[in-house]
C-alpha atoms as a PDB file:
ATOM      1  CA  GLN A   1      32.255 161.502 180.605  1.00  0.00           C
ATOM      2  CA  VAL A   2      34.463 162.250 177.492  1.00  0.00           C
ATOM      3  CA  GLN A   3      32.225 162.691 174.404  1.00  0.00           C
ATOM      4  CA  LEU A   4      33.777 163.601 170.888  1.00  0.00           C
ATOM      5  CA  VAL A   5      31.301 164.583 168.336  1.00  0.00           C
ATOM      6  CA  GLU A   6      32.178 165.021 164.708  1.00  0.00           C
ATOM      7  CA  SER A   7      30.224 167.237 162.450  1.00  0.00           C
ATOM      8  CA  GLY A   8      30.875 169.068 158.854  1.00  0.00           C
ATOM      9  CA  GLY A   9      30.605 165.736 156.881  1.00  0.00           C
ATOM     10  CA  GLY A  10      28.152 165.631 153.756  1.00  0.00           C
ATOM     11  CA  MET A  11      28.362 164.879 149.711  1.00  0.00           C
ATOM     12  CA  VAL A  12      30.553 166.864 147.680  1.00  0.00           C
ATOM     13  CA  GLN A  13      31.455 166.531 144.232  1.00  0.00           C
ATOM     14  CA  ALA A  14      35.266 165.531 143.183  1.00  0.00           C
ATOM     15  CA  GLY A  15      37.702 168.437 143.417  1.00  0.00           C
ATOM     16  CA  GLY A  16      35.416 170.177 146.130  1.00  0.00           C
ATOM     17  CA  SER A  17      36.179 170.534 149.678  1.00  0.00           C
ATOM     18  CA  LEU A  18      35.020 170.015 153.341  1.00  0.00           C
ATOM     19  CA  ARG A  19      35.732 170.975 156.755  1.00  0.00           C
ATOM     20  CA  LEU A  20      35.282 168.595 159.326  1.00  0.00           C
ATOM     21  CA  SER A  21      35.042 169.612 163.128  1.00  0.00           C
ATOM     22  CA  CYS A  22      35.410 167.270 166.225  1.00  0.00           C
ATOM     23  CA  ALA A  23      34.134 168.957 169.299  1.00  0.00           C
ATOM     24  CA  ALA A  24      35.397 167.607 172.951  1.00  0.00           C
ATOM     25  CA  SER A  25      33.686 167.480 176.133  1.00  0.00           C
ATOM     26  CA  GLY A  26      34.698 165.989 179.306  1.00  0.00           C
ATOM     27  CA  LEU A  27      38.276 166.169 179.150  1.00  0.00           C
ATOM     28  CA  THR A  28      41.192 168.271 179.063  1.00  0.00           C
ATOM     29  CA  PHE A  29      41.678 169.071 175.744  1.00  0.00           C
ATOM     30  CA  SER A  30      45.116 170.733 175.656  1.00  0.00           C
ATOM     31  CA  ASN A  31      46.298 167.403 177.097  1.00  0.00           C
ATOM     32  CA  TYR A  32      45.291 165.345 174.377  1.00  0.00           C
ATOM     33  CA  ALA A  33      46.663 164.411 170.869  1.00  0.00           C
ATOM     34  CA  MET A  34      44.299 164.207 168.446  1.00  0.00           C
ATOM     35  CA  GLY A  35      43.639 162.175 165.217  1.00  0.00           C
ATOM     36  CA  TRP A  36      41.622 161.637 162.454  1.00  0.00           C
ATOM     37  CA  PHE A  37      40.818 158.390 160.870  1.00  0.00           C
ATOM     38  CA  ARG A  38      38.525 156.611 158.213  1.00  0.00           C
ATOM     39  CA  GLN A  39      36.896 153.872 157.387  1.00  0.00           C
ATOM     40  CA  ALA A  40      35.154 153.187 153.994  1.00  0.00           C
ATOM     41  CA  PRO A  41      33.053 150.335 153.410  1.00  0.00           C
ATOM     42  CA  GLY A  42      34.627 146.736 153.552  1.00  0.00           C
ATOM     43  CA  LYS A  43      37.767 148.255 153.980  1.00  0.00           C
ATOM     44  CA  GLU A  44      39.886 148.740 157.902  1.00  0.00           C
ATOM     45  CA  ARG A  45      39.592 151.641 159.595  1.00  0.00           C
ATOM     46  CA  GLU A  46      42.870 153.817 158.398  1.00  0.00           C
ATOM     47  CA  PHE A  47      44.895 156.841 159.831  1.00  0.00           C
ATOM     48  CA  VAL A  48      44.426 159.819 158.119  1.00  0.00           C
ATOM     49  CA  GLY A  49      46.302 162.551 160.325  1.00  0.00           C
ATOM     50  CA  ALA A  50      46.787 163.669 163.629  1.00  0.00           C
ATOM     51  CA  ILE A  51      48.055 166.844 165.414  1.00  0.00           C
ATOM     52  CA  SER A  52      50.293 167.016 168.976  1.00  0.00           C
ATOM     53  CA  GLN A  53      49.278 167.755 172.049  1.00  0.00           C
ATOM     54  CA  SER A  54      50.961 171.062 171.602  1.00  0.00           C
ATOM     55  CA  ALA A  55      50.087 171.619 168.263  1.00  0.00           C
ATOM     56  CA  THR A  56      53.491 172.001 167.078  1.00  0.00           C
ATOM     57  CA  ASN A  57      53.380 168.733 165.093  1.00  0.00           C
ATOM     58  CA  THR A  58      51.192 167.193 162.539  1.00  0.00           C
ATOM     59  CA  TYR A  59      51.619 164.035 160.389  1.00  0.00           C
ATOM     60  CA  TYR A  60      49.740 162.761 157.535  1.00  0.00           C
ATOM     61  CA  ALA A  61      49.006 159.876 155.538  1.00  0.00           C
ATOM     62  CA  ASP A  62      50.860 159.777 152.136  1.00  0.00           C
ATOM     63  CA  PHE A  63      46.946 159.704 150.111  1.00  0.00           C
ATOM     64  CA  VAL A  64      46.247 162.643 152.120  1.00  0.00           C
ATOM     65  CA  LYS A  65      49.613 165.079 152.185  1.00  0.00           C
ATOM     66  CA  GLY A  66      48.781 168.816 150.613  1.00  0.00           C
ATOM     67  CA  ARG A  67      45.453 168.064 150.485  1.00  0.00           C
ATOM     68  CA  PHE A  68      44.145 167.944 154.117  1.00  0.00           C
ATOM     69  CA  THR A  69      45.389 170.253 157.224  1.00  0.00           C
ATOM     70  CA  ILE A  70      44.516 169.328 160.822  1.00  0.00           C
ATOM     71  CA  SER A  71      44.456 172.474 163.216  1.00  0.00           C
ATOM     72  CA  ARG A  72      42.942 172.633 166.878  1.00  0.00           C
ATOM     73  CA  ALA A  73      41.450 175.414 168.846  1.00  0.00           C
ATOM     74  CA  ASN A  74      42.114 174.638 172.347  1.00  0.00           C
ATOM     75  CA  ALA A  75      40.173 177.375 173.871  1.00  0.00           C
ATOM     76  CA  LEU A  76      37.074 175.799 171.824  1.00  0.00           C
ATOM     77  CA  ASN A  77      38.173 172.277 172.615  1.00  0.00           C
ATOM     78  CA  THR A  78      37.837 171.354 168.976  1.00  0.00           C
ATOM     79  CA  VAL A  79      40.075 169.942 166.093  1.00  0.00           C
ATOM     80  CA  TYR A  80      39.380 170.283 162.700  1.00  0.00           C
ATOM     81  CA  LEU A  81      40.239 168.337 159.398  1.00  0.00           C
ATOM     82  CA  GLN A  82      40.231 170.731 156.339  1.00  0.00           C
ATOM     83  CA  MET A  83      39.787 168.499 153.135  1.00  0.00           C
ATOM     84  CA  ASN A  84      40.540 169.916 149.858  1.00  0.00           C
ATOM     85  CA  SER A  85      40.866 168.309 146.535  1.00  0.00           C
ATOM     86  CA  LEU A  86      38.740 165.744 147.557  1.00  0.00           C
ATOM     87  CA  LYS A  87      38.358 162.424 145.486  1.00  0.00           C
ATOM     88  CA  SER A  88      35.938 159.606 144.928  1.00  0.00           C
ATOM     89  CA  GLU A  89      38.276 157.422 147.154  1.00  0.00           C
ATOM     90  CA  ASP A  90      37.985 159.611 149.986  1.00  0.00           C
ATOM     91  CA  THR A  91      34.309 158.569 150.807  1.00  0.00           C
ATOM     92  CA  ALA A  92      34.453 156.897 154.122  1.00  0.00           C
ATOM     93  CA  VAL A  93      32.883 157.701 157.623  1.00  0.00           C
ATOM     94  CA  TYR A  94      35.613 160.008 159.369  1.00  0.00           C
ATOM     95  CA  TYR A  95      36.183 159.900 162.933  1.00  0.00           C
ATOM     96  CA  CYS A  96      38.340 161.768 165.378  1.00  0.00           C
ATOM     97  CA  ALA A  97      39.822 160.146 168.385  1.00  0.00           C
ATOM     98  CA  ALA A  98      41.768 161.378 171.462  1.00  0.00           C
ATOM     99  CA  ASP A  99      45.065 160.111 173.131  1.00  0.00           C
ATOM    100  CA  SER A 100      46.363 161.202 176.185  1.00  0.00           C
ATOM    101  CA  VAL A 101      49.480 159.160 176.482  1.00  0.00           C
ATOM    102  CA  ALA A 102      51.258 161.256 173.679  1.00  0.00           C
ATOM    103  CA  VAL A 103      52.550 164.331 175.402  1.00  0.00           C
ATOM    104  CA  GLY A 104      54.275 167.444 174.007  1.00  0.00           C
ATOM    105  CA  TRP A 105      55.523 166.877 170.121  1.00  0.00           C
ATOM    106  CA  ILE A 106      54.204 163.310 169.733  1.00  0.00           C
ATOM    107  CA  VAL A 107      52.001 162.657 166.983  1.00  0.00           C
ATOM    108  CA  PRO A 108      50.272 159.108 167.475  1.00  0.00           C
ATOM    109  CA  ILE A 109      49.125 157.000 164.356  1.00  0.00           C
ATOM    110  CA  ILE A 110      47.895 153.554 165.501  1.00  0.00           C
ATOM    111  CA  PRO A 111      44.339 153.570 166.510  1.00  0.00           C
ATOM    112  CA  ASP A 112      45.492 151.375 169.546  1.00  0.00           C
ATOM    113  CA  GLU A 113      46.944 154.454 171.058  1.00  0.00           C
ATOM    114  CA  TYR A 114      44.051 156.663 171.178  1.00  0.00           C
ATOM    115  CA  ASN A 115      41.589 156.575 174.360  1.00  0.00           C
ATOM    116  CA  TYR A 116      38.493 158.006 172.844  1.00  0.00           C
ATOM    117  CA  TRP A 117      36.471 158.334 169.898  1.00  0.00           C
ATOM    118  CA  GLY A 118      33.974 159.931 168.232  1.00  0.00           C
ATOM    119  CA  GLN A 119      31.099 158.389 166.484  1.00  0.00           C
ATOM    120  CA  GLY A 120      32.107 159.471 162.910  1.00  0.00           C
ATOM    121  CA  THR A 121      30.605 161.614 160.138  1.00  0.00           C
ATOM    122  CA  GLN A 122      29.739 160.585 156.461  1.00  0.00           C
ATOM    123  CA  VAL A 123      31.939 161.972 153.620  1.00  0.00           C
ATOM    124  CA  THR A 124      30.703 161.197 150.578  1.00  0.00           C
ATOM    125  CA  VAL A 125      32.652 162.476 147.353  1.00  0.00           C
ATOM    126  CA  SER A 126      31.007 161.953 143.847  1.00  0.00           C
ATOM    127  CA  SER A 127      32.920 161.562 140.602  1.00  0.00           C
END
């Protein structure tokens, strides 16, 4: 049974930092591209960033470029989202997702491309 479990969310003041983790189990982690999405109240789920299966390629939404960084530790079956210079508009539930189809350097950015999803972790940024 595949499980993705996010952690590291919480409340932080604007300008602060958080690091989210997503621990995967029940799958061969190195065979999956991993993505982060978020959903704010009343809004649709949106792409934040993703890292390729090979870890050689990352891609970010414009609104997080230069502030967020995705990395992965295949030995730990974990993907991370380092979030710096947080803004109030970053407040949302953050989800990680795994995609088995995007091989090599490919970075999937569409939610429908992902096979598995975590339950999410709340990030609240106060201004």
